[in-house]
Structure formats: structure tokens, C-alpha cells
Amino acid sequence: MVADAAAWGSCRFCGTAVAPGASACGICGADRPVPAGALPGAPVAVRRRIALAGWLRALIVVGVAVGLAWTLVDAVITGPPNVADPLTTSGTYRVAPGVVAFAAGEVTGGDYVVGNFTSLVPHGAEVSVSVYNASQWSNLLENGSGTPVWSTPSEGSGRIVFTSLYTDNYSFVLSNPYAPGTGPTISVYVQTQYESNVGNDGFG
């Protein structure tokens, strides 16, 4: 049987396929590549090295394929990353006499934010929670005359249940009712959760 002159041979050092007629390996530069027809008669060590290189390349290809397949399957199973809404929060805030914003973000029309607040130090000190839309929050910051779109009574603890009638950026604010310099700084624990009312989204 006459060997195919167009068949690729193998590098005797790294096992890479070598083009017909080449005098050296194009990858590692080793000379005297083994022609395809001469491989069965090559020294045992050379044949083993070439076979091992072939197996290693096959394992690398299979490993990459399995890795990509797993990445795709995992993405389908787990879905998109779940990023917490900035209006889903919890923490303790120190509120000097005046106001402190503890959360801000967009609320879609029909969605709502629920939660609760409790005065810790002094225990039971009265505070209130107010919600301002973007324009009223700007007014409050600039000239102190912003009007909240929702607020709670002043009390030591209470519930937060705010429903947005229209999409806007809202600021959630704690208010210490004492005038500056006349009352204590109050530590308040606040927890809120953004809830999506899918059935009403987009009406405002």
C-alpha cells in the first residue's frame, strides 16, 4: 500500500500535525517530522508521545466543550442575576433633629414599598417617615419647603406602606421632630421591601 503523499504527518516531539513535505514542526520547531505512512514503524517512544499528545488535545477540546455546555445550562437554570432594588433595604440610622434620607430610587406606577421602623435610642422616641417625589425632594433640599406625597404620624414605631400612583424617583426620609439643638439624636431601625404589582405596572 502506497502512503498518501498529501497526508499530514506528526511532530516526533510535540505530536502536532505537520504539513506534507515540511522539514520541521511549525509549533515547536523540532526537525524530522514523522510522515503519516512511517508512523507505524517509528520508535515506540515517538509513537507514545504522539498518541499522548493526541489524547491531551482531545481531552482539552472535550473539557472546553463540557465547560461551555455547563455554563449555558447553568445560565438557563438560574436565570438572570437577581439585583436587589435600592428601595429594598434595612439598617439603623442616626437622625439628628431634622431629616435624613435612608433610601431613594424609582418606583414604577402601581408598585409599592412596604416595611417598618422602630426607634431604638431613645427607645420609643417619636419619628416619622415621609416620601418625596423628585421635584418635592429638590424643593426640600433647596429651600426647606418640599411637600411629601406620603407620610406617617410621629410615633415610636410604625408601618411603611407606600403605593406609587405614577412612575418617579422617590426619596424615603426619616424625620426627627425636634428643632436643631433642642433634642436628641434618635437611632432608628428601618426595613423596607420593594414589591412589584405586575397587574398594574405602567399605568402611570
N, C-alpha and C. Protein backbone atom coordinates (compact mmCIF):
# COMPACT_ATOMS: atom_id res chain seq x y z
N MET A 1 0.86 -1.20 0.00
CA MET A 1 0.00 0.00 0.00
C MET A 1 0.89 1.24 0.00
N VAL A 2 0.62 2.16 -0.91
CA VAL A 2 1.41 3.38 -1.04
C VAL A 2 0.82 4.45 -0.14
N ALA A 3 1.66 5.08 0.65
CA ALA A 3 1.16 6.13 1.54
C ALA A 3 0.69 7.33 0.74
N ASP A 4 -0.34 7.99 1.23
CA ASP A 4 -0.88 9.20 0.60
C ASP A 4 0.11 10.33 0.81
N ALA A 5 0.60 10.87 -0.32
CA ALA A 5 1.61 11.94 -0.22
C ALA A 5 1.03 13.21 0.38
N ALA A 6 -0.32 13.35 0.33
CA ALA A 6 -0.95 14.57 0.85
C ALA A 6 -1.32 14.43 2.32
N ALA A 7 -1.11 13.23 2.91
CA ALA A 7 -1.47 13.04 4.31
C ALA A 7 -0.51 13.76 5.23
N TRP A 8 -1.05 14.36 6.27
CA TRP A 8 -0.22 15.09 7.22
C TRP A 8 0.50 14.12 8.15
N GLY A 9 1.72 14.45 8.49
CA GLY A 9 2.48 13.66 9.43
C GLY A 9 2.35 14.21 10.83
N SER A 10 3.26 13.82 11.71
CA SER A 10 3.22 14.25 13.11
C SER A 10 4.61 14.64 13.57
N CYS A 11 4.65 15.64 14.44
CA CYS A 11 5.92 16.04 15.05
C CYS A 11 6.34 14.96 16.03
N ARG A 12 7.60 14.54 15.96
CA ARG A 12 8.07 13.48 16.85
C ARG A 12 8.26 13.98 18.29
N PHE A 13 8.25 15.31 18.50
CA PHE A 13 8.46 15.85 19.84
C PHE A 13 7.15 16.25 20.53
N CYS A 14 6.31 17.08 19.85
CA CYS A 14 5.08 17.56 20.50
C CYS A 14 3.83 16.90 19.96
N GLY A 15 3.95 16.09 18.92
CA GLY A 15 2.81 15.36 18.39
C GLY A 15 1.88 16.18 17.53
N THR A 16 2.20 17.43 17.25
CA THR A 16 1.35 18.29 16.43
C THR A 16 1.36 17.81 14.98
N ALA A 17 0.24 17.96 14.29
CA ALA A 17 0.18 17.60 12.88
C ALA A 17 1.12 18.50 12.08
N VAL A 18 1.83 17.89 11.15
CA VAL A 18 2.81 18.61 10.33
C VAL A 18 2.42 18.44 8.87
N ALA A 19 2.47 19.55 8.12
CA ALA A 19 2.06 19.52 6.72
C ALA A 19 2.96 18.60 5.89
N PRO A 20 2.41 18.01 4.85
CA PRO A 20 3.22 17.14 3.98
C PRO A 20 4.43 17.90 3.42
N GLY A 21 5.59 17.28 3.45
CA GLY A 21 6.79 17.88 2.89
C GLY A 21 7.51 18.83 3.81
N ALA A 22 6.93 19.13 4.99
CA ALA A 22 7.60 20.07 5.91
C ALA A 22 8.82 19.39 6.53
N SER A 23 9.88 20.18 6.73
CA SER A 23 11.10 19.63 7.30
C SER A 23 11.19 19.84 8.80
N ALA A 24 10.28 20.64 9.36
CA ALA A 24 10.29 20.90 10.80
C ALA A 24 8.87 21.19 11.26
N CYS A 25 8.63 21.03 12.55
CA CYS A 25 7.31 21.32 13.14
C CYS A 25 7.09 22.82 13.19
N GLY A 26 5.93 23.24 12.76
CA GLY A 26 5.62 24.67 12.77
C GLY A 26 5.31 25.20 14.15
N ILE A 27 5.11 24.32 15.16
CA ILE A 27 4.78 24.77 16.51
C ILE A 27 6.02 24.82 17.39
N CYS A 28 6.73 23.67 17.51
CA CYS A 28 7.88 23.64 18.42
C CYS A 28 9.22 23.73 17.69
N GLY A 29 9.21 23.58 16.37
CA GLY A 29 10.45 23.70 15.60
C GLY A 29 11.28 22.45 15.51
N ALA A 30 10.82 21.33 16.11
CA ALA A 30 11.60 20.09 16.04
C ALA A 30 11.70 19.62 14.60
N ASP A 31 12.89 19.08 14.24
CA ASP A 31 13.07 18.63 12.86
C ASP A 31 12.67 17.15 12.73
N ARG A 32 12.76 16.64 11.51
CA ARG A 32 12.46 15.27 11.16
C ARG A 32 11.07 14.82 11.61
N PRO A 33 10.00 15.54 11.17
CA PRO A 33 8.64 15.07 11.50
C PRO A 33 8.42 13.68 10.93
N VAL A 34 7.51 12.94 11.55
CA VAL A 34 7.22 11.57 11.13
C VAL A 34 6.12 11.60 10.08
N PRO A 35 6.40 11.17 8.83
CA PRO A 35 5.34 11.13 7.81
C PRO A 35 4.23 10.18 8.24
N ALA A 36 3.02 10.41 7.70
CA ALA A 36 1.88 9.59 8.08
C ALA A 36 2.13 8.12 7.83
N GLY A 37 2.73 7.77 6.70
CA GLY A 37 2.96 6.38 6.38
C GLY A 37 4.04 5.72 7.20
N ALA A 38 4.89 6.53 7.83
CA ALA A 38 6.01 5.97 8.59
C ALA A 38 5.71 5.86 10.07
N LEU A 39 4.52 6.30 10.51
CA LEU A 39 4.20 6.29 11.94
C LEU A 39 4.23 4.88 12.54
N PRO A 40 3.64 3.84 11.85
CA PRO A 40 3.68 2.50 12.47
C PRO A 40 5.10 2.00 12.71
N GLY A 41 6.07 2.43 11.93
CA GLY A 41 7.43 1.96 12.11
C GLY A 41 8.30 2.87 12.94
N ALA A 42 7.73 3.95 13.47
CA ALA A 42 8.50 4.89 14.29
C ALA A 42 8.85 4.24 15.63
N PRO A 43 9.90 4.70 16.31
CA PRO A 43 10.24 4.16 17.62
C PRO A 43 9.06 4.23 18.59
N VAL A 44 9.03 3.28 19.51
CA VAL A 44 7.91 3.19 20.46
C VAL A 44 7.74 4.50 21.23
N ALA A 45 8.84 5.09 21.68
CA ALA A 45 8.75 6.34 22.46
C ALA A 45 8.11 7.45 21.65
N VAL A 46 8.43 7.51 20.36
CA VAL A 46 7.85 8.54 19.50
C VAL A 46 6.35 8.30 19.32
N ARG A 47 6.00 7.01 19.08
CA ARG A 47 4.58 6.71 18.90
C ARG A 47 3.77 7.02 20.16
N ARG A 48 4.36 6.72 21.32
CA ARG A 48 3.65 7.00 22.58
C ARG A 48 3.48 8.50 22.78
N ARG A 49 4.55 9.25 22.46
CA ARG A 49 4.47 10.70 22.63
C ARG A 49 3.41 11.29 21.72
N ILE A 50 3.34 10.84 20.48
CA ILE A 50 2.34 11.34 19.53
C ILE A 50 0.93 10.96 19.98
N ALA A 51 0.75 9.70 20.44
CA ALA A 51 -0.56 9.26 20.91
C ALA A 51 -0.99 10.06 22.15
N LEU A 52 -0.04 10.28 23.08
CA LEU A 52 -0.35 11.05 24.29
C LEU A 52 -0.76 12.48 23.95
N ALA A 53 -0.04 13.09 23.00
CA ALA A 53 -0.39 14.45 22.58
C ALA A 53 -1.79 14.49 22.00
N GLY A 54 -2.14 13.47 21.20
CA GLY A 54 -3.49 13.41 20.63
C GLY A 54 -4.55 13.30 21.70
N TRP A 55 -4.31 12.43 22.72
CA TRP A 55 -5.26 12.29 23.81
C TRP A 55 -5.40 13.59 24.60
N LEU A 56 -4.28 14.25 24.85
CA LEU A 56 -4.34 15.50 25.61
C LEU A 56 -5.14 16.56 24.87
N ARG A 57 -4.92 16.65 23.55
CA ARG A 57 -5.70 17.63 22.77
C ARG A 57 -7.18 17.29 22.80
N ALA A 58 -7.50 16.00 22.68
CA ALA A 58 -8.90 15.58 22.72
C ALA A 58 -9.53 15.92 24.07
N LEU A 59 -8.77 15.68 25.17
CA LEU A 59 -9.30 15.99 26.50
C LEU A 59 -9.53 17.49 26.67
N ILE A 60 -8.61 18.28 26.12
CA ILE A 60 -8.79 19.74 26.23
C ILE A 60 -10.04 20.17 25.48
N VAL A 61 -10.24 19.64 24.28
CA VAL A 61 -11.43 20.00 23.49
C VAL A 61 -12.69 19.58 24.22
N VAL A 62 -12.70 18.35 24.74
CA VAL A 62 -13.88 17.86 25.47
C VAL A 62 -14.12 18.69 26.72
N GLY A 63 -13.03 19.02 27.45
CA GLY A 63 -13.17 19.83 28.66
C GLY A 63 -13.76 21.20 28.38
N VAL A 64 -13.28 21.83 27.32
CA VAL A 64 -13.81 23.15 26.94
C VAL A 64 -15.28 23.03 26.55
N ALA A 65 -15.61 21.99 25.77
CA ALA A 65 -17.00 21.81 25.35
C ALA A 65 -17.92 21.58 26.54
N VAL A 66 -17.46 20.74 27.50
CA VAL A 66 -18.26 20.48 28.70
C VAL A 66 -18.41 21.76 29.52
N GLY A 67 -17.32 22.52 29.65
CA GLY A 67 -17.39 23.77 30.41
C GLY A 67 -18.37 24.76 29.81
N LEU A 68 -18.32 24.92 28.48
CA LEU A 68 -19.25 25.83 27.82
C LEU A 68 -20.68 25.35 27.96
N ALA A 69 -20.88 24.02 27.82
CA ALA A 69 -22.23 23.47 27.95
C ALA A 69 -22.77 23.70 29.35
N TRP A 70 -21.92 23.49 30.36
CA TRP A 70 -22.36 23.69 31.74
C TRP A 70 -22.69 25.16 32.00
N THR A 71 -21.88 26.06 31.45
CA THR A 71 -22.15 27.49 31.62
C THR A 71 -23.50 27.87 31.05
N LEU A 72 -23.80 27.34 29.86
CA LEU A 72 -25.10 27.64 29.23
C LEU A 72 -26.24 27.04 30.02
N VAL A 73 -26.09 25.78 30.45
CA VAL A 73 -27.15 25.12 31.21
C VAL A 73 -27.37 25.84 32.54
N ASP A 74 -26.28 26.22 33.21
CA ASP A 74 -26.40 26.92 34.49
C ASP A 74 -27.09 28.26 34.33
N ALA A 75 -26.78 28.97 33.23
CA ALA A 75 -27.43 30.26 32.98
C ALA A 75 -28.92 30.08 32.76
N VAL A 76 -29.30 29.01 32.04
CA VAL A 76 -30.72 28.77 31.79
C VAL A 76 -31.44 28.40 33.08
N ILE A 77 -30.78 27.58 33.92
CA ILE A 77 -31.42 27.12 35.16
C ILE A 77 -31.56 28.26 36.16
N THR A 78 -30.49 29.03 36.36
CA THR A 78 -30.51 30.07 37.38
C THR A 78 -31.15 31.37 36.91
N GLY A 79 -31.23 31.58 35.60
CA GLY A 79 -31.83 32.81 35.10
C GLY A 79 -30.91 34.00 35.28
N PRO A 80 -31.41 35.20 34.99
CA PRO A 80 -30.58 36.40 35.12
C PRO A 80 -30.24 36.69 36.57
N PRO A 81 -29.15 37.40 36.82
CA PRO A 81 -28.79 37.72 38.20
C PRO A 81 -29.85 38.56 38.88
N ASN A 82 -30.07 38.28 40.15
CA ASN A 82 -31.08 38.99 40.92
C ASN A 82 -30.42 40.14 41.68
N VAL A 83 -30.64 41.35 41.20
CA VAL A 83 -30.05 42.53 41.81
C VAL A 83 -31.09 43.20 42.71
N ALA A 84 -30.74 43.39 43.96
CA ALA A 84 -31.68 43.98 44.91
C ALA A 84 -32.02 45.41 44.50
N ASP A 85 -33.31 45.76 44.59
CA ASP A 85 -33.74 47.12 44.31
C ASP A 85 -33.21 48.05 45.40
N PRO A 86 -32.80 49.28 45.05
CA PRO A 86 -32.28 50.19 46.08
C PRO A 86 -33.30 50.54 47.15
N LEU A 87 -34.58 50.27 46.89
CA LEU A 87 -35.61 50.55 47.88
C LEU A 87 -35.91 49.32 48.74
N THR A 88 -35.19 48.23 48.51
CA THR A 88 -35.24 47.09 49.43
C THR A 88 -34.01 47.21 50.32
N THR A 89 -34.22 47.56 51.58
CA THR A 89 -33.08 47.89 52.43
C THR A 89 -33.40 47.62 53.88
N SER A 90 -32.39 47.58 54.70
CA SER A 90 -32.57 47.50 56.15
C SER A 90 -31.32 48.08 56.79
N GLY A 91 -31.52 48.71 57.95
CA GLY A 91 -30.38 49.28 58.64
C GLY A 91 -30.81 50.21 59.75
N THR A 92 -29.83 50.63 60.53
CA THR A 92 -30.07 51.56 61.62
C THR A 92 -29.50 52.92 61.25
N TYR A 93 -30.27 53.97 61.46
CA TYR A 93 -29.88 55.32 61.05
C TYR A 93 -29.95 56.25 62.26
N ARG A 94 -28.95 57.13 62.34
CA ARG A 94 -28.92 58.15 63.38
C ARG A 94 -29.51 59.43 62.80
N VAL A 95 -30.60 59.89 63.42
CA VAL A 95 -31.35 61.03 62.89
C VAL A 95 -31.25 62.18 63.89
N ALA A 96 -30.40 63.14 63.57
CA ALA A 96 -30.35 64.36 64.38
C ALA A 96 -31.62 65.16 64.13
N PRO A 97 -31.92 66.14 64.97
CA PRO A 97 -33.11 66.95 64.70
C PRO A 97 -33.09 67.47 63.26
N GLY A 98 -34.12 67.15 62.52
CA GLY A 98 -34.19 67.46 61.10
C GLY A 98 -34.59 66.21 60.33
N VAL A 99 -34.05 66.03 59.12
CA VAL A 99 -34.44 64.89 58.29
C VAL A 99 -33.20 64.17 57.77
N VAL A 100 -33.36 62.86 57.52
CA VAL A 100 -32.30 62.03 56.95
C VAL A 100 -32.94 61.09 55.93
N ALA A 101 -32.42 61.11 54.68
CA ALA A 101 -32.91 60.18 53.66
C ALA A 101 -32.25 58.83 53.88
N PHE A 102 -33.06 57.76 53.92
CA PHE A 102 -32.49 56.43 54.12
C PHE A 102 -32.61 55.54 52.89
N ALA A 103 -33.37 55.95 51.87
CA ALA A 103 -33.47 55.16 50.64
C ALA A 103 -33.99 56.07 49.53
N ALA A 104 -33.59 55.77 48.30
CA ALA A 104 -34.06 56.54 47.16
C ALA A 104 -33.98 55.67 45.91
N GLY A 105 -34.94 55.84 45.02
CA GLY A 105 -34.93 55.07 43.78
C GLY A 105 -36.25 55.23 43.05
N GLU A 106 -36.30 54.61 41.86
CA GLU A 106 -37.50 54.71 41.04
C GLU A 106 -38.55 53.71 41.49
N VAL A 107 -39.79 54.17 41.56
CA VAL A 107 -40.93 53.29 41.81
C VAL A 107 -41.83 53.38 40.60
N THR A 108 -42.11 52.25 39.99
CA THR A 108 -42.99 52.21 38.83
C THR A 108 -44.43 52.41 39.27
N GLY A 109 -45.21 53.11 38.46
CA GLY A 109 -46.61 53.32 38.77
C GLY A 109 -47.32 52.00 39.04
N GLY A 110 -47.97 51.90 40.20
CA GLY A 110 -48.64 50.67 40.58
C GLY A 110 -47.83 49.80 41.51
N ASP A 111 -46.51 49.99 41.56
CA ASP A 111 -45.68 49.23 42.50
C ASP A 111 -45.75 49.88 43.88
N TYR A 112 -45.25 49.19 44.88
CA TYR A 112 -45.34 49.73 46.23
C TYR A 112 -44.14 49.30 47.06
N VAL A 113 -43.94 50.03 48.15
CA VAL A 113 -42.86 49.76 49.10
C VAL A 113 -43.48 49.57 50.47
N VAL A 114 -43.15 48.45 51.11
CA VAL A 114 -43.68 48.17 52.45
C VAL A 114 -42.51 47.98 53.40
N GLY A 115 -42.76 48.17 54.68
CA GLY A 115 -41.71 47.97 55.67
C GLY A 115 -42.16 48.44 57.03
N ASN A 116 -41.18 48.70 57.89
CA ASN A 116 -41.49 49.18 59.24
C ASN A 116 -40.30 49.94 59.78
N PHE A 117 -40.55 50.69 60.85
CA PHE A 117 -39.48 51.45 61.50
C PHE A 117 -39.70 51.41 63.01
N THR A 118 -38.61 51.49 63.76
CA THR A 118 -38.68 51.45 65.22
C THR A 118 -37.57 52.33 65.79
N SER A 119 -37.91 53.18 66.73
CA SER A 119 -36.90 53.99 67.43
C SER A 119 -36.22 53.11 68.47
N LEU A 120 -34.89 53.06 68.42
CA LEU A 120 -34.13 52.23 69.35
C LEU A 120 -33.56 53.03 70.50
N VAL A 121 -32.94 54.18 70.20
CA VAL A 121 -32.32 55.02 71.22
C VAL A 121 -32.62 56.48 70.90
N PRO A 122 -33.30 57.21 71.80
CA PRO A 122 -34.03 56.71 72.97
C PRO A 122 -35.19 55.80 72.53
N HIS A 123 -35.42 54.76 73.30
CA HIS A 123 -36.47 53.81 72.93
C HIS A 123 -37.83 54.50 72.92
N GLY A 124 -38.55 54.31 71.82
CA GLY A 124 -39.89 54.88 71.71
C GLY A 124 -39.93 56.34 71.32
N ALA A 125 -38.77 56.96 71.04
CA ALA A 125 -38.78 58.36 70.62
C ALA A 125 -39.57 58.51 69.32
N GLU A 126 -40.34 59.56 69.23
CA GLU A 126 -41.22 59.73 68.08
C GLU A 126 -40.44 60.22 66.85
N VAL A 127 -40.64 59.52 65.76
CA VAL A 127 -40.11 59.92 64.46
C VAL A 127 -41.20 59.66 63.43
N SER A 128 -41.00 60.17 62.22
CA SER A 128 -41.95 59.89 61.15
C SER A 128 -41.19 59.56 59.88
N VAL A 129 -41.87 58.87 58.98
CA VAL A 129 -41.31 58.54 57.67
C VAL A 129 -42.13 59.28 56.62
N SER A 130 -41.43 59.96 55.71
CA SER A 130 -42.10 60.68 54.62
C SER A 130 -41.50 60.25 53.29
N VAL A 131 -42.30 60.35 52.25
CA VAL A 131 -41.85 60.01 50.90
C VAL A 131 -42.03 61.25 50.02
N TYR A 132 -40.97 61.63 49.32
CA TYR A 132 -40.99 62.79 48.44
C TYR A 132 -40.73 62.34 47.01
N ASN A 133 -41.47 62.91 46.06
CA ASN A 133 -41.11 62.66 44.66
C ASN A 133 -39.91 63.52 44.30
N ALA A 134 -39.42 63.38 43.08
CA ALA A 134 -38.16 64.04 42.71
C ALA A 134 -38.23 65.55 42.86
N SER A 135 -39.31 66.16 42.40
CA SER A 135 -39.38 67.62 42.43
C SER A 135 -39.52 68.14 43.86
N GLN A 136 -40.34 67.48 44.67
CA GLN A 136 -40.54 67.94 46.05
C GLN A 136 -39.30 67.71 46.91
N TRP A 137 -38.55 66.65 46.61
CA TRP A 137 -37.30 66.42 47.34
C TRP A 137 -36.29 67.52 47.00
N SER A 138 -36.25 67.92 45.74
CA SER A 138 -35.37 69.04 45.36
C SER A 138 -35.78 70.32 46.07
N ASN A 139 -37.09 70.57 46.14
CA ASN A 139 -37.57 71.76 46.85
C ASN A 139 -37.16 71.72 48.32
N LEU A 140 -37.27 70.54 48.94
CA LEU A 140 -36.91 70.42 50.36
C LEU A 140 -35.43 70.70 50.57
N LEU A 141 -34.58 70.16 49.68
CA LEU A 141 -33.15 70.36 49.82
C LEU A 141 -32.76 71.81 49.57
N GLU A 142 -33.45 72.46 48.62
CA GLU A 142 -33.06 73.81 48.22
C GLU A 142 -33.60 74.88 49.15
N ASN A 143 -34.87 74.75 49.56
CA ASN A 143 -35.45 75.83 50.38
C ASN A 143 -36.27 75.34 51.57
N GLY A 144 -36.23 74.03 51.85
CA GLY A 144 -36.91 73.50 53.03
C GLY A 144 -38.41 73.48 52.96
N SER A 145 -38.98 73.57 51.75
CA SER A 145 -40.44 73.66 51.66
C SER A 145 -41.06 72.51 50.85
N GLY A 146 -40.36 71.39 50.74
CA GLY A 146 -40.92 70.27 49.99
C GLY A 146 -42.11 69.65 50.69
N THR A 147 -43.08 69.21 49.89
CA THR A 147 -44.29 68.58 50.44
C THR A 147 -44.25 67.09 50.14
N PRO A 148 -44.32 66.24 51.17
CA PRO A 148 -44.27 64.80 50.91
C PRO A 148 -45.53 64.31 50.21
N VAL A 149 -45.37 63.24 49.42
CA VAL A 149 -46.54 62.62 48.78
C VAL A 149 -47.17 61.58 49.69
N TRP A 150 -46.44 61.22 50.76
CA TRP A 150 -46.96 60.26 51.75
C TRP A 150 -46.14 60.40 53.01
N SER A 151 -46.77 60.22 54.17
CA SER A 151 -46.02 60.28 55.42
C SER A 151 -46.78 59.53 56.51
N THR A 152 -46.06 59.17 57.57
CA THR A 152 -46.67 58.53 58.74
C THR A 152 -46.80 59.56 59.85
N PRO A 153 -47.64 59.28 60.84
CA PRO A 153 -47.65 60.14 62.03
C PRO A 153 -46.33 60.00 62.78
N SER A 154 -46.02 60.94 63.65
CA SER A 154 -44.84 60.82 64.51
C SER A 154 -45.15 59.80 65.60
N GLU A 155 -44.34 58.76 65.65
CA GLU A 155 -44.57 57.70 66.64
C GLU A 155 -43.28 56.93 66.85
N GLY A 156 -43.25 56.10 67.88
CA GLY A 156 -42.05 55.35 68.21
C GLY A 156 -41.78 54.19 67.27
N SER A 157 -42.80 53.68 66.62
CA SER A 157 -42.65 52.62 65.63
C SER A 157 -43.88 52.64 64.74
N GLY A 158 -43.74 52.10 63.54
CA GLY A 158 -44.89 52.11 62.64
C GLY A 158 -44.61 51.35 61.37
N ARG A 159 -45.62 51.31 60.55
CA ARG A 159 -45.55 50.60 59.27
C ARG A 159 -45.31 51.58 58.13
N ILE A 160 -44.63 51.10 57.10
CA ILE A 160 -44.43 51.85 55.86
C ILE A 160 -45.19 51.11 54.76
N VAL A 161 -46.19 51.77 54.18
CA VAL A 161 -46.95 51.19 53.08
C VAL A 161 -47.19 52.30 52.05
N PHE A 162 -46.29 52.41 51.09
CA PHE A 162 -46.39 53.47 50.09
C PHE A 162 -46.65 52.87 48.72
N THR A 163 -47.73 53.33 48.08
CA THR A 163 -48.06 52.90 46.72
C THR A 163 -47.86 54.08 45.77
N SER A 164 -47.14 53.84 44.68
CA SER A 164 -46.87 54.90 43.72
C SER A 164 -47.99 54.96 42.69
N LEU A 165 -48.58 56.14 42.53
CA LEU A 165 -49.62 56.32 41.52
C LEU A 165 -49.05 56.59 40.15
N TYR A 166 -47.77 56.98 40.10
CA TYR A 166 -47.11 57.25 38.82
C TYR A 166 -45.61 56.97 39.00
N THR A 167 -44.97 56.67 37.90
CA THR A 167 -43.54 56.36 37.93
C THR A 167 -42.73 57.63 38.18
N ASP A 168 -41.83 57.55 39.18
CA ASP A 168 -40.99 58.70 39.50
C ASP A 168 -39.86 58.21 40.41
N ASN A 169 -38.89 59.07 40.62
CA ASN A 169 -37.85 58.79 41.61
C ASN A 169 -38.32 59.33 42.95
N TYR A 170 -38.29 58.47 43.97
CA TYR A 170 -38.80 58.84 45.28
C TYR A 170 -37.69 58.73 46.32
N SER A 171 -37.74 59.64 47.29
CA SER A 171 -36.82 59.60 48.42
C SER A 171 -37.61 59.30 49.69
N PHE A 172 -37.13 58.33 50.46
CA PHE A 172 -37.75 57.95 51.72
C PHE A 172 -36.94 58.57 52.84
N VAL A 173 -37.62 59.31 53.71
CA VAL A 173 -36.93 60.20 54.64
C VAL A 173 -37.44 59.99 56.07
N LEU A 174 -36.50 59.90 57.02
CA LEU A 174 -36.82 59.89 58.44
C LEU A 174 -36.79 61.31 58.97
N SER A 175 -37.76 61.65 59.81
CA SER A 175 -37.82 63.00 60.38
C SER A 175 -37.76 62.94 61.90
N ASN A 176 -36.79 63.65 62.47
CA ASN A 176 -36.70 63.86 63.92
C ASN A 176 -37.44 65.17 64.19
N PRO A 177 -38.53 65.14 64.97
CA PRO A 177 -39.37 66.34 65.09
C PRO A 177 -38.78 67.48 65.89
N TYR A 178 -37.69 67.22 66.61
CA TYR A 178 -37.11 68.29 67.42
C TYR A 178 -36.42 69.32 66.54
N ALA A 179 -36.45 70.56 66.99
CA ALA A 179 -35.74 71.62 66.29
C ALA A 179 -34.24 71.43 66.51
N PRO A 180 -33.41 71.83 65.53
CA PRO A 180 -31.96 71.67 65.69
C PRO A 180 -31.47 72.27 67.00
N GLY A 181 -30.66 71.51 67.75
CA GLY A 181 -30.10 71.99 69.01
C GLY A 181 -31.00 71.84 70.20
N THR A 182 -32.22 71.31 70.02
CA THR A 182 -33.16 71.24 71.15
C THR A 182 -33.53 69.81 71.53
N GLY A 183 -33.06 68.84 70.80
CA GLY A 183 -33.49 67.47 71.11
C GLY A 183 -32.39 66.48 70.80
N PRO A 184 -32.65 65.22 71.13
CA PRO A 184 -31.62 64.18 70.97
C PRO A 184 -31.53 63.68 69.54
N THR A 185 -30.39 63.09 69.23
CA THR A 185 -30.26 62.31 68.00
C THR A 185 -30.90 60.96 68.26
N ILE A 186 -31.75 60.51 67.34
CA ILE A 186 -32.51 59.28 67.54
C ILE A 186 -31.98 58.20 66.61
N SER A 187 -31.70 57.02 67.18
CA SER A 187 -31.31 55.87 66.37
C SER A 187 -32.56 55.10 65.98
N VAL A 188 -32.74 54.89 64.67
CA VAL A 188 -33.97 54.28 64.16
C VAL A 188 -33.61 53.10 63.26
N TYR A 189 -34.21 51.96 63.53
CA TYR A 189 -34.06 50.81 62.64
C TYR A 189 -35.18 50.84 61.62
N VAL A 190 -34.79 50.69 60.32
CA VAL A 190 -35.77 50.73 59.23
C VAL A 190 -35.56 49.52 58.33
N GLN A 191 -36.65 48.91 57.91
CA GLN A 191 -36.62 47.80 56.95
C GLN A 191 -37.68 48.07 55.89
N THR A 192 -37.29 47.99 54.61
CA THR A 192 -38.24 48.20 53.52
C THR A 192 -38.08 47.12 52.46
N GLN A 193 -39.14 46.88 51.71
CA GLN A 193 -39.13 45.89 50.64
C GLN A 193 -39.90 46.45 49.45
N TYR A 194 -39.23 46.48 48.28
CA TYR A 194 -39.91 46.91 47.05
C TYR A 194 -40.74 45.76 46.53
N GLU A 195 -42.00 46.01 46.24
CA GLU A 195 -42.91 44.98 45.72
C GLU A 195 -43.44 45.43 44.37
N SER A 196 -43.42 44.52 43.39
CA SER A 196 -43.89 44.83 42.05
C SER A 196 -45.31 44.34 41.87
N ASN A 197 -46.21 45.26 41.58
CA ASN A 197 -47.61 44.92 41.32
C ASN A 197 -47.76 44.78 39.81
N VAL A 198 -47.44 43.59 39.28
CA VAL A 198 -47.35 43.38 37.85
C VAL A 198 -48.65 43.72 37.14
N GLY A 199 -49.78 43.43 37.78
CA GLY A 199 -51.06 43.67 37.13
C GLY A 199 -51.34 45.13 36.84
N ASN A 200 -50.69 46.04 37.62
CA ASN A 200 -50.94 47.48 37.43
C ASN A 200 -49.74 48.23 36.87
N ASP A 201 -48.62 47.54 36.62
CA ASP A 201 -47.44 48.24 36.13
C ASP A 201 -47.73 49.02 34.86
N GLY A 202 -47.18 50.22 34.83
CA GLY A 202 -47.24 51.00 33.60
C GLY A 202 -48.45 51.91 33.48
N PHE A 203 -49.31 51.99 34.53
CA PHE A 203 -50.46 52.86 34.33
C PHE A 203 -50.16 54.30 34.66
N GLY A 204 -48.97 54.55 35.16
CA GLY A 204 -48.66 55.94 35.46
C GLY A 204 -47.24 56.28 35.11
